[in-house]
Amino acid sequence: MSAVTPVDEIAEDDKQLVEKVEALINAKVTLDHTEVVTKDPTVVGSLIPALLVRVNGGEGAVRVDDGTYVRTGANQGGGYFIVTMKPGQICVLLGHPSVRYFYHNNS
């Protein structure tokens, strides 16, 4: 099952974000340095085990096939969430949410 974890207190610290995701999924990851505003729709592939989602970023939503759902946009308040996905789960970014991708680190 996927999970949504609030991370406002560490959202500006890449090292702590990586450590948090590694603890959540029990695997090594790297964090993309760039926040992107996604196209509608964007399907997140299996190479991405987690996303950093900025709630007051682009208007849209993050939806995982187990029912996990995070709305984003100017009217959604503020803050940051990490959304983790289990292998085989499908995650779709609807609208234009602002996210940073975590990738599996196989080195």
PDB file of N, CA and C in Angstrom:
ATOM      1  N   MET A   1       0.844  -1.183   0.000  1.00  0.00           N
ATOM      2  CA  MET A   1       0.000   0.000   0.000  1.00  0.00           C
ATOM      3  C   MET A   1       0.886   1.243   0.000  1.00  0.00           C
ATOM      4  N   SER A   2       0.456   2.267  -0.704  1.00  0.00           N
ATOM      5  CA  SER A   2       1.191   3.524  -0.728  1.00  0.00           C
ATOM      6  C   SER A   2       0.976   4.251   0.592  1.00  0.00           C
ATOM      7  N   ALA A   3       1.763   5.318   0.801  1.00  0.00           N
ATOM      8  CA  ALA A   3       1.635   6.103   2.025  1.00  0.00           C
ATOM      9  C   ALA A   3       1.842   7.574   1.715  1.00  0.00           C
ATOM     10  N   VAL A   4       1.206   8.428   2.501  1.00  0.00           N
ATOM     11  CA  VAL A   4       1.374   9.876   2.407  1.00  0.00           C
ATOM     12  C   VAL A   4       1.917  10.348   3.744  1.00  0.00           C
ATOM     13  N   THR A   5       3.100  10.992   3.707  1.00  0.00           N
ATOM     14  CA  THR A   5       3.772  11.415   4.919  1.00  0.00           C
ATOM     15  C   THR A   5       4.031  12.915   4.862  1.00  0.00           C
ATOM     16  N   PRO A   6       3.524  13.699   5.833  1.00  0.00           N
ATOM     17  CA  PRO A   6       3.830  15.135   5.848  1.00  0.00           C
ATOM     18  C   PRO A   6       5.297  15.363   6.202  1.00  0.00           C
ATOM     19  N   VAL A   7       5.935  16.299   5.479  1.00  0.00           N
ATOM     20  CA  VAL A   7       7.371  16.552   5.704  1.00  0.00           C
ATOM     21  C   VAL A   7       7.693  18.046   5.685  1.00  0.00           C
ATOM     22  N   ASP A   8       6.780  18.868   6.164  1.00  0.00           N
ATOM     23  CA  ASP A   8       7.003  20.317   6.162  1.00  0.00           C
ATOM     24  C   ASP A   8       8.317  20.696   6.847  1.00  0.00           C
ATOM     25  N   GLU A   9       8.620  20.044   7.967  1.00  0.00           N
ATOM     26  CA  GLU A   9       9.778  20.423   8.768  1.00  0.00           C
ATOM     27  C   GLU A   9      11.111  20.097   8.105  1.00  0.00           C
ATOM     28  N   ILE A  10      11.116  19.218   7.102  1.00  0.00           N
ATOM     29  CA  ILE A  10      12.382  18.864   6.434  1.00  0.00           C
ATOM     30  C   ILE A  10      12.341  19.129   4.933  1.00  0.00           C
ATOM     31  N   ALA A  11      11.310  19.792   4.445  1.00  0.00           N
ATOM     32  CA  ALA A  11      11.093  19.955   2.999  1.00  0.00           C
ATOM     33  C   ALA A  11      12.235  20.665   2.281  1.00  0.00           C
ATOM     34  N   GLU A  12      13.013  21.476   2.979  1.00  0.00           N
ATOM     35  CA  GLU A  12      14.109  22.209   2.346  1.00  0.00           C
ATOM     36  C   GLU A  12      15.456  21.513   2.516  1.00  0.00           C
ATOM     37  N   ASP A  13      15.479  20.330   3.119  1.00  0.00           N
ATOM     38  CA  ASP A  13      16.720  19.612   3.402  1.00  0.00           C
ATOM     39  C   ASP A  13      16.755  18.301   2.631  1.00  0.00           C
ATOM     40  N   ASP A  14      17.434  18.307   1.480  1.00  0.00           N
ATOM     41  CA  ASP A  14      17.461  17.136   0.610  1.00  0.00           C
ATOM     42  C   ASP A  14      17.993  15.893   1.316  1.00  0.00           C
ATOM     43  N   LYS A  15      19.009  16.055   2.142  1.00  0.00           N
ATOM     44  CA  LYS A  15      19.600  14.903   2.840  1.00  0.00           C
ATOM     45  C   LYS A  15      18.566  14.249   3.761  1.00  0.00           C
ATOM     46  N   GLN A  16      17.842  15.054   4.519  1.00  0.00           N
ATOM     47  CA  GLN A  16      16.821  14.501   5.410  1.00  0.00           C
ATOM     48  C   GLN A  16      15.658  13.891   4.630  1.00  0.00           C
ATOM     49  N   LEU A  17      15.308  14.487   3.499  1.00  0.00           N
ATOM     50  CA  LEU A  17      14.250  13.914   2.670  1.00  0.00           C
ATOM     51  C   LEU A  17      14.643  12.531   2.162  1.00  0.00           C
ATOM     52  N   VAL A  18      15.874  12.401   1.680  1.00  0.00           N
ATOM     53  CA  VAL A  18      16.359  11.099   1.200  1.00  0.00           C
ATOM     54  C   VAL A  18      16.346  10.086   2.335  1.00  0.00           C
ATOM     55  N   GLU A  19      16.843  10.485   3.493  1.00  0.00           N
ATOM     56  CA  GLU A  19      16.863   9.578   4.646  1.00  0.00           C
ATOM     57  C   GLU A  19      15.450   9.145   5.032  1.00  0.00           C
ATOM     58  N   LYS A  20      14.494  10.063   4.970  1.00  0.00           N
ATOM     59  CA  LYS A  20      13.108   9.748   5.307  1.00  0.00           C
ATOM     60  C   LYS A  20      12.529   8.711   4.354  1.00  0.00           C
ATOM     61  N   VAL A  21      12.737   8.925   3.044  1.00  0.00           N
ATOM     62  CA  VAL A  21      12.204   7.979   2.065  1.00  0.00           C
ATOM     63  C   VAL A  21      12.890   6.627   2.204  1.00  0.00           C
ATOM     64  N   GLU A  22      14.196   6.628   2.412  1.00  0.00           N
ATOM     65  CA  GLU A  22      14.906   5.356   2.577  1.00  0.00           C
ATOM     66  C   GLU A  22      14.362   4.577   3.770  1.00  0.00           C
ATOM     67  N   ALA A  23      14.022   5.276   4.851  1.00  0.00           N
ATOM     68  CA  ALA A  23      13.442   4.614   6.018  1.00  0.00           C
ATOM     69  C   ALA A  23      12.027   4.095   5.716  1.00  0.00           C
ATOM     70  N   LEU A  24      11.265   4.845   4.925  1.00  0.00           N
ATOM     71  CA  LEU A  24       9.891   4.450   4.608  1.00  0.00           C
ATOM     72  C   LEU A  24       9.822   3.238   3.691  1.00  0.00           C
ATOM     73  N   ILE A  25      10.749   3.164   2.723  1.00  0.00           N
ATOM     74  CA  ILE A  25      10.656   2.082   1.729  1.00  0.00           C
ATOM     75  C   ILE A  25      11.746   1.032   1.874  1.00  0.00           C
ATOM     76  N   ASN A  26      12.673   1.245   2.809  1.00  0.00           N
ATOM     77  CA  ASN A  26      13.753   0.295   3.067  1.00  0.00           C
ATOM     78  C   ASN A  26      14.580   0.017   1.809  1.00  0.00           C
ATOM     79  N   ALA A  27      14.963   1.101   1.122  1.00  0.00           N
ATOM     80  CA  ALA A  27      15.801   0.997  -0.078  1.00  0.00           C
ATOM     81  C   ALA A  27      16.531   2.319  -0.269  1.00  0.00           C
ATOM     82  N   LYS A  28      17.657   2.274  -0.960  1.00  0.00           N
ATOM     83  CA  LYS A  28      18.439   3.475  -1.253  1.00  0.00           C
ATOM     84  C   LYS A  28      17.785   4.257  -2.393  1.00  0.00           C
ATOM     85  N   VAL A  29      17.758   5.598  -2.242  1.00  0.00           N
ATOM     86  CA  VAL A  29      17.169   6.454  -3.272  1.00  0.00           C
ATOM     87  C   VAL A  29      18.034   7.690  -3.486  1.00  0.00           C
ATOM     88  N   THR A  30      17.796   8.350  -4.603  1.00  0.00           N
ATOM     89  CA  THR A  30      18.346   9.678  -4.861  1.00  0.00           C
ATOM     90  C   THR A  30      17.151  10.594  -5.160  1.00  0.00           C
ATOM     91  N   LEU A  31      17.329  11.884  -4.890  1.00  0.00           N
ATOM     92  CA  LEU A  31      16.265  12.865  -5.093  1.00  0.00           C
ATOM     93  C   LEU A  31      16.653  13.788  -6.233  1.00  0.00           C
ATOM     94  N   ASP A  32      15.760  13.923  -7.206  1.00  0.00           N
ATOM     95  CA  ASP A  32      15.976  14.856  -8.304  1.00  0.00           C
ATOM     96  C   ASP A  32      16.062  16.266  -7.725  1.00  0.00           C
ATOM     97  N   HIS A  33      17.003  17.070  -8.215  1.00  0.00           N
ATOM     98  CA  HIS A  33      17.211  18.411  -7.682  1.00  0.00           C
ATOM     99  C   HIS A  33      16.156  19.411  -8.133  1.00  0.00           C
ATOM    100  N   THR A  34      15.437  19.095  -9.193  1.00  0.00           N
ATOM    101  CA  THR A  34      14.521  20.051  -9.805  1.00  0.00           C
ATOM    102  C   THR A  34      13.072  19.696  -9.545  1.00  0.00           C
ATOM    103  N   GLU A  35      12.298  20.678  -9.104  1.00  0.00           N
ATOM    104  CA  GLU A  35      10.854  20.511  -9.012  1.00  0.00           C
ATOM    105  C   GLU A  35      10.277  20.712 -10.399  1.00  0.00           C
ATOM    106  N   VAL A  36       9.365  19.849 -10.782  1.00  0.00           N
ATOM    107  CA  VAL A  36       8.729  19.956 -12.094  1.00  0.00           C
ATOM    108  C   VAL A  36       7.229  20.119 -11.928  1.00  0.00           C
ATOM    109  N   VAL A  37       6.627  20.863 -12.855  1.00  0.00           N
ATOM    110  CA  VAL A  37       5.177  20.947 -12.956  1.00  0.00           C
ATOM    111  C   VAL A  37       4.813  19.995 -14.082  1.00  0.00           C
ATOM    112  N   THR A  38       4.069  18.949 -13.749  1.00  0.00           N
ATOM    113  CA  THR A  38       3.848  17.859 -14.682  1.00  0.00           C
ATOM    114  C   THR A  38       2.777  18.172 -15.718  1.00  0.00           C
ATOM    115  N   LYS A  39       2.780  17.377 -16.787  1.00  0.00           N
ATOM    116  CA  LYS A  39       1.745  17.457 -17.822  1.00  0.00           C
ATOM    117  C   LYS A  39       0.583  16.577 -17.410  1.00  0.00           C
ATOM    118  N   ASP A  40      -0.571  16.802 -17.994  1.00  0.00           N
ATOM    119  CA  ASP A  40      -1.773  16.049 -17.646  1.00  0.00           C
ATOM    120  C   ASP A  40      -2.110  15.052 -18.734  1.00  0.00           C
ATOM    121  N   PRO A  41      -2.267  13.802 -18.437  1.00  0.00           N
ATOM    122  CA  PRO A  41      -1.847  13.105 -17.228  1.00  0.00           C
ATOM    123  C   PRO A  41      -0.407  12.612 -17.379  1.00  0.00           C
ATOM    124  N   THR A  42       0.249  12.373 -16.266  1.00  0.00           N
ATOM    125  CA  THR A  42       1.584  11.783 -16.254  1.00  0.00           C
ATOM    126  C   THR A  42       1.517  10.501 -15.436  1.00  0.00           C
ATOM    127  N   VAL A  43       1.938   9.395 -16.027  1.00  0.00           N
ATOM    128  CA  VAL A  43       1.989   8.122 -15.315  1.00  0.00           C
ATOM    129  C   VAL A  43       3.402   7.960 -14.769  1.00  0.00           C
ATOM    130  N   VAL A  44       3.496   7.706 -13.470  1.00  0.00           N
ATOM    131  CA  VAL A  44       4.780   7.543 -12.807  1.00  0.00           C
ATOM    132  C   VAL A  44       5.188   6.081 -12.905  1.00  0.00           C
ATOM    133  N   GLY A  45       6.385   5.839 -13.449  1.00  0.00           N
ATOM    134  CA  GLY A  45       6.858   4.485 -13.657  1.00  0.00           C
ATOM    135  C   GLY A  45       7.444   3.842 -12.420  1.00  0.00           C
ATOM    136  N   SER A  46       7.796   2.574 -12.545  1.00  0.00           N
ATOM    137  CA  SER A  46       8.278   1.788 -11.414  1.00  0.00           C
ATOM    138  C   SER A  46       9.679   2.185 -10.947  1.00  0.00           C
ATOM    139  N   LEU A  47      10.399   2.999 -11.732  1.00  0.00           N
ATOM    140  CA  LEU A  47      11.716   3.470 -11.294  1.00  0.00           C
ATOM    141  C   LEU A  47      11.600   4.560 -10.238  1.00  0.00           C
ATOM    142  N   ILE A  48      10.383   5.036 -10.010  1.00  0.00           N
ATOM    143  CA  ILE A  48      10.154   6.117  -9.055  1.00  0.00           C
ATOM    144  C   ILE A  48       9.347   5.559  -7.876  1.00  0.00           C
ATOM    145  N   PRO A  49      10.019   5.336  -6.736  1.00  0.00           N
ATOM    146  CA  PRO A  49       9.313   4.772  -5.582  1.00  0.00           C
ATOM    147  C   PRO A  49       8.619   5.820  -4.722  1.00  0.00           C
ATOM    148  N   ALA A  50       8.927   7.111  -4.954  1.00  0.00           N
ATOM    149  CA  ALA A  50       8.343   8.156  -4.108  1.00  0.00           C
ATOM    150  C   ALA A  50       8.388   9.504  -4.816  1.00  0.00           C
ATOM    151  N   LEU A  51       7.509  10.398  -4.364  1.00  0.00           N
ATOM    152  CA  LEU A  51       7.433  11.770  -4.870  1.00  0.00           C
ATOM    153  C   LEU A  51       7.433  12.721  -3.685  1.00  0.00           C
ATOM    154  N   LEU A  52       8.049  13.888  -3.862  1.00  0.00           N
ATOM    155  CA  LEU A  52       7.867  14.998  -2.938  1.00  0.00           C
ATOM    156  C   LEU A  52       6.850  15.914  -3.593  1.00  0.00           C
ATOM    157  N   VAL A  53       5.712  16.113  -2.957  1.00  0.00           N
ATOM    158  CA  VAL A  53       4.608  16.875  -3.527  1.00  0.00           C
ATOM    159  C   VAL A  53       4.483  18.200  -2.780  1.00  0.00           C
ATOM    160  N   ARG A  54       4.493  19.316  -3.538  1.00  0.00           N
ATOM    161  CA  ARG A  54       4.247  20.634  -2.942  1.00  0.00           C
ATOM    162  C   ARG A  54       2.753  20.922  -3.068  1.00  0.00           C
ATOM    163  N   VAL A  55       2.083  21.004  -1.939  1.00  0.00           N
ATOM    164  CA  VAL A  55       0.622  21.124  -1.925  1.00  0.00           C
ATOM    165  C   VAL A  55       0.154  22.402  -2.611  1.00  0.00           C
ATOM    166  N   ASN A  56       0.812  23.535  -2.376  1.00  0.00           N
ATOM    167  CA  ASN A  56       0.363  24.787  -2.989  1.00  0.00           C
ATOM    168  C   ASN A  56       1.070  25.060  -4.311  1.00  0.00           C
ATOM    169  N   GLY A  57       1.506  24.000  -4.979  1.00  0.00           N
ATOM    170  CA  GLY A  57       2.125  24.122  -6.293  1.00  0.00           C
ATOM    171  C   GLY A  57       1.069  24.172  -7.381  1.00  0.00           C
ATOM    172  N   GLY A  58       1.378  23.550  -8.513  1.00  0.00           N
ATOM    173  CA  GLY A  58       0.450  23.547  -9.635  1.00  0.00           C
ATOM    174  C   GLY A  58      -0.861  22.868  -9.292  1.00  0.00           C
ATOM    175  N   GLU A  59      -1.920  23.301  -9.958  1.00  0.00           N
ATOM    176  CA  GLU A  59      -3.268  22.768  -9.731  1.00  0.00           C
ATOM    177  C   GLU A  59      -3.362  21.342 -10.254  1.00  0.00           C
ATOM    178  N   GLY A  60      -3.768  20.410  -9.396  1.00  0.00           N
ATOM    179  CA  GLY A  60      -3.907  19.033  -9.850  1.00  0.00           C
ATOM    180  C   GLY A  60      -4.055  18.062  -8.701  1.00  0.00           C
ATOM    181  N   ALA A  61      -3.603  16.829  -8.938  1.00  0.00           N
ATOM    182  CA  ALA A  61      -3.711  15.793  -7.927  1.00  0.00           C
ATOM    183  C   ALA A  61      -2.719  14.680  -8.219  1.00  0.00           C
ATOM    184  N   VAL A  62      -2.364  13.965  -7.147  1.00  0.00           N
ATOM    185  CA  VAL A  62      -1.553  12.759  -7.234  1.00  0.00           C
ATOM    186  C   VAL A  62      -2.460  11.612  -6.806  1.00  0.00           C
ATOM    187  N   ARG A  63      -2.589  10.605  -7.658  1.00  0.00           N
ATOM    188  CA  ARG A  63      -3.468   9.470  -7.345  1.00  0.00           C
ATOM    189  C   ARG A  63      -2.718   8.159  -7.558  1.00  0.00           C
ATOM    190  N   VAL A  64      -2.747   7.321  -6.521  1.00  0.00           N
ATOM    191  CA  VAL A  64      -2.157   5.986  -6.596  1.00  0.00           C
ATOM    192  C   VAL A  64      -3.307   4.993  -6.709  1.00  0.00           C
ATOM    193  N   ASP A  65      -3.067   3.868  -7.396  1.00  0.00           N
ATOM    194  CA  ASP A  65      -4.156   2.937  -7.692  1.00  0.00           C
ATOM    195  C   ASP A  65      -4.783   2.258  -6.474  1.00  0.00           C
ATOM    196  N   ASP A  66      -4.223   2.460  -5.277  1.00  0.00           N
ATOM    197  CA  ASP A  66      -4.848   1.892  -4.075  1.00  0.00           C
ATOM    198  C   ASP A  66      -5.813   2.878  -3.414  1.00  0.00           C
ATOM    199  N   GLY A  67      -6.050   4.019  -4.056  1.00  0.00           N
ATOM    200  CA  GLY A  67      -6.975   5.003  -3.520  1.00  0.00           C
ATOM    201  C   GLY A  67      -6.308   6.207  -2.876  1.00  0.00           C
ATOM    202  N   THR A  68      -4.991   6.168  -2.699  1.00  0.00           N
ATOM    203  CA  THR A  68      -4.270   7.313  -2.148  1.00  0.00           C
ATOM    204  C   THR A  68      -4.450   8.497  -3.089  1.00  0.00           C
ATOM    205  N   TYR A  69      -4.754   9.663  -2.507  1.00  0.00           N
ATOM    206  CA  TYR A  69      -5.096  10.829  -3.328  1.00  0.00           C
ATOM    207  C   TYR A  69      -4.661  12.094  -2.603  1.00  0.00           C
ATOM    208  N   VAL A  70      -3.870  12.947  -3.269  1.00  0.00           N
ATOM    209  CA  VAL A  70      -3.445  14.228  -2.711  1.00  0.00           C
ATOM    210  C   VAL A  70      -3.783  15.314  -3.725  1.00  0.00           C
ATOM    211  N   ARG A  71      -4.617  16.280  -3.324  1.00  0.00           N
ATOM    212  CA  ARG A  71      -4.945  17.416  -4.193  1.00  0.00           C
ATOM    213  C   ARG A  71      -3.890  18.504  -4.020  1.00  0.00           C
ATOM    214  N   THR A  72      -3.600  19.214  -5.109  1.00  0.00           N
ATOM    215  CA  THR A  72      -2.624  20.295  -5.066  1.00  0.00           C
ATOM    216  C   THR A  72      -3.195  21.544  -5.725  1.00  0.00           C
ATOM    217  N   GLY A  73      -2.627  22.690  -5.377  1.00  0.00           N
ATOM    218  CA  GLY A  73      -3.037  23.947  -5.982  1.00  0.00           C
ATOM    219  C   GLY A  73      -3.101  25.051  -4.943  1.00  0.00           C
ATOM    220  N   ALA A  74      -3.267  26.258  -5.418  1.00  0.00           N
ATOM    221  CA  ALA A  74      -3.243  27.445  -4.560  1.00  0.00           C
ATOM    222  C   ALA A  74      -4.309  27.407  -3.465  1.00  0.00           C
ATOM    223  N   ASN A  75      -5.439  26.765  -3.714  1.00  0.00           N
ATOM    224  CA  ASN A  75      -6.533  26.726  -2.742  1.00  0.00           C
ATOM    225  C   ASN A  75      -6.475  25.524  -1.802  1.00  0.00           C
ATOM    226  N   GLN A  76      -5.389  24.763  -1.843  1.00  0.00           N
ATOM    227  CA  GLN A  76      -5.293  23.542  -1.040  1.00  0.00           C
ATOM    228  C   GLN A  76      -4.471  23.723   0.230  1.00  0.00           C
ATOM    229  N   GLY A  77      -4.158  24.948   0.577  1.00  0.00           N
ATOM    230  CA  GLY A  77      -3.323  25.187   1.752  1.00  0.00           C
ATOM    231  C   GLY A  77      -1.864  25.128   1.366  1.00  0.00           C
ATOM    232  N   GLY A  78      -1.019  24.756   2.286  1.00  0.00           N
ATOM    233  CA  GLY A  78       0.400  24.689   2.005  1.00  0.00           C
ATOM    234  C   GLY A  78       0.982  23.404   2.527  1.00  0.00           C
ATOM    235  N   GLY A  79       2.283  23.295   2.404  1.00  0.00           N
ATOM    236  CA  GLY A  79       2.964  22.139   2.942  1.00  0.00           C
ATOM    237  C   GLY A  79       3.492  21.198   1.879  1.00  0.00           C
ATOM    238  N   TYR A  80       4.166  20.184   2.373  1.00  0.00           N
ATOM    239  CA  TYR A  80       4.797  19.180   1.524  1.00  0.00           C
ATOM    240  C   TYR A  80       4.452  17.791   2.041  1.00  0.00           C
ATOM    241  N   PHE A  81       4.294  16.854   1.114  1.00  0.00           N
ATOM    242  CA  PHE A  81       4.063  15.453   1.449  1.00  0.00           C
ATOM    243  C   PHE A  81       5.003  14.583   0.638  1.00  0.00           C
ATOM    244  N   ILE A  82       5.430  13.483   1.226  1.00  0.00           N
ATOM    245  CA  ILE A  82       6.079  12.419   0.470  1.00  0.00           C
ATOM    246  C   ILE A  82       5.005  11.374   0.204  1.00  0.00           C
ATOM    247  N   VAL A  83       4.870  10.988  -1.048  1.00  0.00           N
ATOM    248  CA  VAL A  83       3.970   9.909  -1.430  1.00  0.00           C
ATOM    249  C   VAL A  83       4.848   8.750  -1.879  1.00  0.00           C
ATOM    250  N   THR A  84       4.744   7.614  -1.187  1.00  0.00           N
ATOM    251  CA  THR A  84       5.527   6.427  -1.558  1.00  0.00           C
ATOM    252  C   THR A  84       4.610   5.423  -2.239  1.00  0.00           C
ATOM    253  N   MET A  85       5.210   4.675  -3.181  1.00  0.00           N
ATOM    254  CA  MET A  85       4.479   3.640  -3.891  1.00  0.00           C
ATOM    255  C   MET A  85       5.216   2.320  -3.741  1.00  0.00           C
ATOM    256  N   LYS A  86       4.451   1.245  -3.614  1.00  0.00           N
ATOM    257  CA  LYS A  86       5.016  -0.101  -3.583  1.00  0.00           C
ATOM    258  C   LYS A  86       5.280  -0.555  -5.015  1.00  0.00           C
ATOM    259  N   PRO A  87       6.241  -1.492  -5.205  1.00  0.00           N
ATOM    260  CA  PRO A  87       6.480  -2.015  -6.557  1.00  0.00           C
ATOM    261  C   PRO A  87       5.188  -2.548  -7.174  1.00  0.00           C
ATOM    262  N   GLY A  88       4.982  -2.207  -8.426  1.00  0.00           N
ATOM    263  CA  GLY A  88       3.802  -2.659  -9.145  1.00  0.00           C
ATOM    264  C   GLY A  88       2.614  -1.718  -9.063  1.00  0.00           C
ATOM    265  N   GLN A  89       2.652  -0.752  -8.136  1.00  0.00           N
ATOM    266  CA  GLN A  89       1.555   0.199  -8.059  1.00  0.00           C
ATOM    267  C   GLN A  89       1.657   1.225  -9.178  1.00  0.00           C
ATOM    268  N   ILE A  90       0.512   1.727  -9.598  1.00  0.00           N
ATOM    269  CA  ILE A  90       0.452   2.750 -10.632  1.00  0.00           C
ATOM    270  C   ILE A  90       0.102   4.076  -9.974  1.00  0.00           C
ATOM    271  N   CYS A  91       0.866   5.112 -10.310  1.00  0.00           N
ATOM    272  CA  CYS A  91       0.615   6.457  -9.808  1.00  0.00           C
ATOM    273  C   CYS A  91       0.407   7.373 -11.011  1.00  0.00           C
ATOM    274  N   VAL A  92      -0.662   8.148 -10.965  1.00  0.00           N
ATOM    275  CA  VAL A  92      -0.971   9.074 -12.050  1.00  0.00           C
ATOM    276  C   VAL A  92      -1.029  10.486 -11.478  1.00  0.00           C
ATOM    277  N   LEU A  93      -0.348  11.410 -12.155  1.00  0.00           N
ATOM    278  CA  LEU A  93      -0.379  12.822 -11.790  1.00  0.00           C
ATOM    279  C   LEU A  93      -1.386  13.501 -12.712  1.00  0.00           C
ATOM    280  N   LEU A  94      -2.448  14.017 -12.120  1.00  0.00           N
ATOM    281  CA  LEU A  94      -3.530  14.638 -12.878  1.00  0.00           C
ATOM    282  C   LEU A  94      -3.411  16.152 -12.790  1.00  0.00           C
ATOM    283  N   GLY A  95      -3.718  16.848 -13.859  1.00  0.00           N
ATOM    284  CA  GLY A  95      -3.547  18.292 -13.875  1.00  0.00           C
ATOM    285  C   GLY A  95      -2.066  18.617 -13.934  1.00  0.00           C
ATOM    286  N   HIS A  96      -1.618  19.521 -13.062  1.00  0.00           N
ATOM    287  CA  HIS A  96      -0.232  19.989 -13.129  1.00  0.00           C
ATOM    288  C   HIS A  96       0.409  20.114 -11.742  1.00  0.00           C
ATOM    289  N   PRO A  97       0.391  19.021 -10.944  1.00  0.00           N
ATOM    290  CA  PRO A  97       1.014  19.118  -9.622  1.00  0.00           C
ATOM    291  C   PRO A  97       2.519  19.375  -9.717  1.00  0.00           C
ATOM    292  N   SER A  98       3.058  20.051  -8.702  1.00  0.00           N
ATOM    293  CA  SER A  98       4.493  20.337  -8.612  1.00  0.00           C
ATOM    294  C   SER A  98       5.144  19.267  -7.747  1.00  0.00           C
ATOM    295  N   VAL A  99       6.081  18.518  -8.342  1.00  0.00           N
ATOM    296  CA  VAL A  99       6.687  17.395  -7.631  1.00  0.00           C
ATOM    297  C   VAL A  99       8.194  17.338  -7.873  1.00  0.00           C
ATOM    298  N   ARG A 100       8.871  16.636  -6.988  1.00  0.00           N
ATOM    299  CA  ARG A 100      10.254  16.202  -7.197  1.00  0.00           C
ATOM    300  C   ARG A 100      10.241  14.686  -7.104  1.00  0.00           C
ATOM    301  N   TYR A 101      11.019  14.033  -7.966  1.00  0.00           N
ATOM    302  CA  TYR A 101      11.035  12.582  -8.041  1.00  0.00           C
ATOM    303  C   TYR A 101      12.178  11.996  -7.218  1.00  0.00           C
ATOM    304  N   PHE A 102      11.875  10.912  -6.501  1.00  0.00           N
ATOM    305  CA  PHE A 102      12.888  10.065  -5.895  1.00  0.00           C
ATOM    306  C   PHE A 102      13.077   8.870  -6.823  1.00  0.00           C
ATOM    307  N   TYR A 103      14.340   8.498  -7.063  1.00  0.00           N
ATOM    308  CA  TYR A 103      14.667   7.363  -7.918  1.00  0.00           C
ATOM    309  C   TYR A 103      15.371   6.287  -7.100  1.00  0.00           C
ATOM    310  N   HIS A 104      15.164   5.018  -7.480  1.00  0.00           N
ATOM    311  CA  HIS A 104      15.941   3.950  -6.865  1.00  0.00           C
ATOM    312  C   HIS A 104      17.408   4.189  -7.158  1.00  0.00           C
ATOM    313  N   ASN A 105      18.243   4.014  -6.153  1.00  0.00           N
ATOM    314  CA  ASN A 105      19.693   4.175  -6.302  1.00  0.00           C
ATOM    315  C   ASN A 105      20.309   2.780  -6.300  1.00  0.00           C
ATOM    316  N   ASN A 106      20.661   2.303  -7.472  1.00  0.00           N
ATOM    317  CA  ASN A 106      21.178   0.942  -7.603  1.00  0.00           C
ATOM    318  C   ASN A 106      22.688   0.877  -7.568  1.00  0.00           C
ATOM    319  N   SER A 107      23.351   1.965  -7.197  1.00  0.00           N
ATOM    320  CA  SER A 107      24.823   1.933  -7.175  1.00  0.00           C
ATOM    321  C   SER A 107      25.357   1.493  -5.832  1.00  0.00           C
TER     322      SER A 107
END
